[in-house]
Amino acid sequence: MGFKLPKTALLRNPAQYSVVYRQGKRLRGAHFSLIYIDNDYGFNRLGISVHGVKKAVLRNRMKRIIREFFRLHRDFLPPGKDIVFAVRKECALKNPHEISVAVANAVHNSLPNKNGRRR
């Protein structure tokens, strides 16, 4: 296994996103909404939605940081989930460290651990 995040670990088309949005569990935080649903693959897949941020540079930076967090921490997340990070319009985080801390808090406080319990 390499260090890259494989394309199979990402939600790639609108139909996959719409299934998560329609049937998933929603958890709202200060900066992110986290929507997740069980999948049949045995590994996690990530989707990122950044709509409210006006500048493309900031949108792409947030997506890169969230993808990197997911790549580094995917072994600690419960397997078999499709997860969508929806960045809220009010998200004013600009520092990469602030964004990664906010993502860590959202994941840690929202998703169930490997035993199925929420933290």
Protein backbone atom coordinates (compact mmCIF):
# COMPACT_ATOMS: atom_id res chain seq x y z
CA MET A 1 0.00 0.00 0.00
CA GLY A 2 1.41 3.35 -1.02
CA PHE A 3 1.03 6.73 0.54
CA LYS A 4 -1.43 8.04 -2.04
CA LEU A 5 -5.15 8.30 -1.54
CA PRO A 6 -6.58 5.97 -4.21
CA LYS A 7 -9.37 7.21 -6.45
CA THR A 8 -11.56 4.40 -5.15
CA ALA A 9 -11.50 6.16 -1.74
CA LEU A 10 -13.29 9.21 -3.17
CA LEU A 11 -16.91 9.78 -4.12
CA ARG A 12 -16.63 10.56 -7.82
CA ASN A 13 -20.05 11.29 -9.34
CA PRO A 14 -23.21 13.19 -8.38
CA ALA A 15 -25.25 10.00 -7.92
CA GLN A 16 -22.94 8.86 -5.12
CA TYR A 17 -23.24 12.24 -3.39
CA SER A 18 -27.02 12.28 -3.71
CA VAL A 19 -27.34 8.87 -2.03
CA VAL A 20 -25.31 10.12 0.93
CA TYR A 21 -27.28 13.39 1.11
CA ARG A 22 -30.68 11.64 0.92
CA GLN A 23 -30.06 8.68 3.23
CA GLY A 24 -27.13 9.70 5.41
CA LYS A 25 -26.95 10.81 9.02
CA ARG A 26 -26.20 14.52 9.43
CA LEU A 27 -23.99 15.98 12.12
CA ARG A 28 -23.55 19.72 12.21
CA GLY A 29 -20.55 21.52 13.61
CA ALA A 30 -19.42 25.11 13.70
CA HIS A 31 -17.53 24.92 10.40
CA PHE A 32 -18.63 21.66 8.76
CA SER A 33 -21.63 19.47 8.30
CA LEU A 34 -20.70 15.82 8.26
CA ILE A 35 -23.00 13.42 6.41
CA TYR A 36 -22.24 9.72 6.48
CA ILE A 37 -23.84 6.44 5.50
CA ASP A 38 -22.73 2.81 5.59
CA ASN A 39 -21.43 1.32 2.36
CA ASP A 40 -20.84 -2.25 1.21
CA TYR A 41 -17.19 -1.83 0.26
CA GLY A 42 -15.43 -2.36 3.60
CA PHE A 43 -13.44 0.85 3.22
CA ASN A 44 -14.28 4.52 3.59
CA ARG A 45 -14.97 6.87 0.71
CA LEU A 46 -14.73 10.64 1.01
CA GLY A 47 -16.68 13.43 -0.63
CA ILE A 48 -16.09 17.14 -0.11
CA SER A 49 -18.56 19.93 -0.79
CA VAL A 50 -17.36 23.53 -0.49
CA HIS A 51 -20.05 25.91 -1.75
CA GLY A 52 -20.15 29.06 0.32
CA VAL A 53 -16.51 30.08 0.02
CA LYS A 54 -16.21 32.71 -2.71
CA LYS A 55 -12.56 32.43 -3.72
CA ALA A 56 -11.48 29.34 -5.62
CA VAL A 57 -8.06 29.43 -3.97
CA LEU A 58 -9.64 29.04 -0.52
CA ARG A 59 -12.12 26.38 -1.71
CA ASN A 60 -9.35 24.29 -3.23
CA ARG A 61 -7.12 24.75 -0.19
CA MET A 62 -9.89 23.47 2.11
CA LYS A 63 -10.46 20.48 -0.16
CA ARG A 64 -6.74 19.66 -0.20
CA ILE A 65 -6.46 19.87 3.59
CA ILE A 66 -9.56 17.72 4.17
CA ARG A 67 -8.32 15.11 1.65
CA GLU A 68 -4.90 15.07 3.34
CA PHE A 69 -6.47 14.63 6.78
CA PHE A 70 -8.56 11.75 5.45
CA ARG A 71 -5.51 10.15 3.80
CA LEU A 72 -3.44 10.33 6.99
CA HIS A 73 -6.19 9.21 9.38
CA ARG A 74 -8.26 6.73 7.38
CA ASP A 75 -6.94 3.80 9.44
CA PHE A 76 -8.41 5.36 12.60
CA LEU A 77 -11.89 5.89 11.14
CA PRO A 78 -14.52 3.15 11.31
CA PRO A 79 -14.43 1.26 7.99
CA GLY A 80 -17.29 0.97 5.54
CA LYS A 81 -18.61 4.55 5.47
CA ASP A 82 -19.28 7.08 2.73
CA ILE A 83 -18.47 10.44 4.32
CA VAL A 84 -19.26 13.88 2.90
CA PHE A 85 -17.72 17.00 4.44
CA ALA A 86 -19.93 19.96 3.59
CA VAL A 87 -18.10 23.18 4.43
CA ARG A 88 -20.47 25.80 5.80
CA LYS A 89 -20.68 29.28 4.30
CA GLU A 90 -19.64 30.85 7.60
CA CYS A 91 -16.36 28.95 7.66
CA ALA A 92 -13.74 31.64 8.07
CA LEU A 93 -10.77 29.35 8.63
CA LYS A 94 -7.85 30.34 6.48
CA ASN A 95 -4.87 28.83 8.27
CA PRO A 96 -4.21 25.18 7.24
CA HIS A 97 -3.62 24.24 10.87
CA GLU A 98 -6.98 25.71 11.93
CA ILE A 99 -8.75 23.80 9.16
CA SER A 100 -7.11 20.48 10.04
CA VAL A 101 -7.91 20.96 13.76
CA ALA A 102 -11.56 21.74 12.92
CA VAL A 103 -11.75 18.65 10.68
CA ALA A 104 -10.21 16.49 13.43
CA ASN A 105 -12.72 17.79 15.97
CA ALA A 106 -15.64 17.21 13.59
CA VAL A 107 -14.56 13.63 12.89
CA HIS A 108 -13.63 12.82 16.48
CA ASN A 109 -16.88 14.15 17.95
CA SER A 110 -19.22 12.95 15.22
CA LEU A 111 -18.38 9.59 13.74
CA PRO A 112 -18.81 6.40 15.74
CA ASN A 113 -15.60 4.67 16.74
CA LYS A 114 -14.73 1.14 15.67
CA ASN A 115 -17.00 -0.25 18.43
CA GLY A 116 -19.98 1.63 17.00
CA ARG A 117 -20.22 4.22 19.77
CA ARG A 118 -20.05 7.96 19.24
CA ARG A 119 -17.41 9.80 21.22
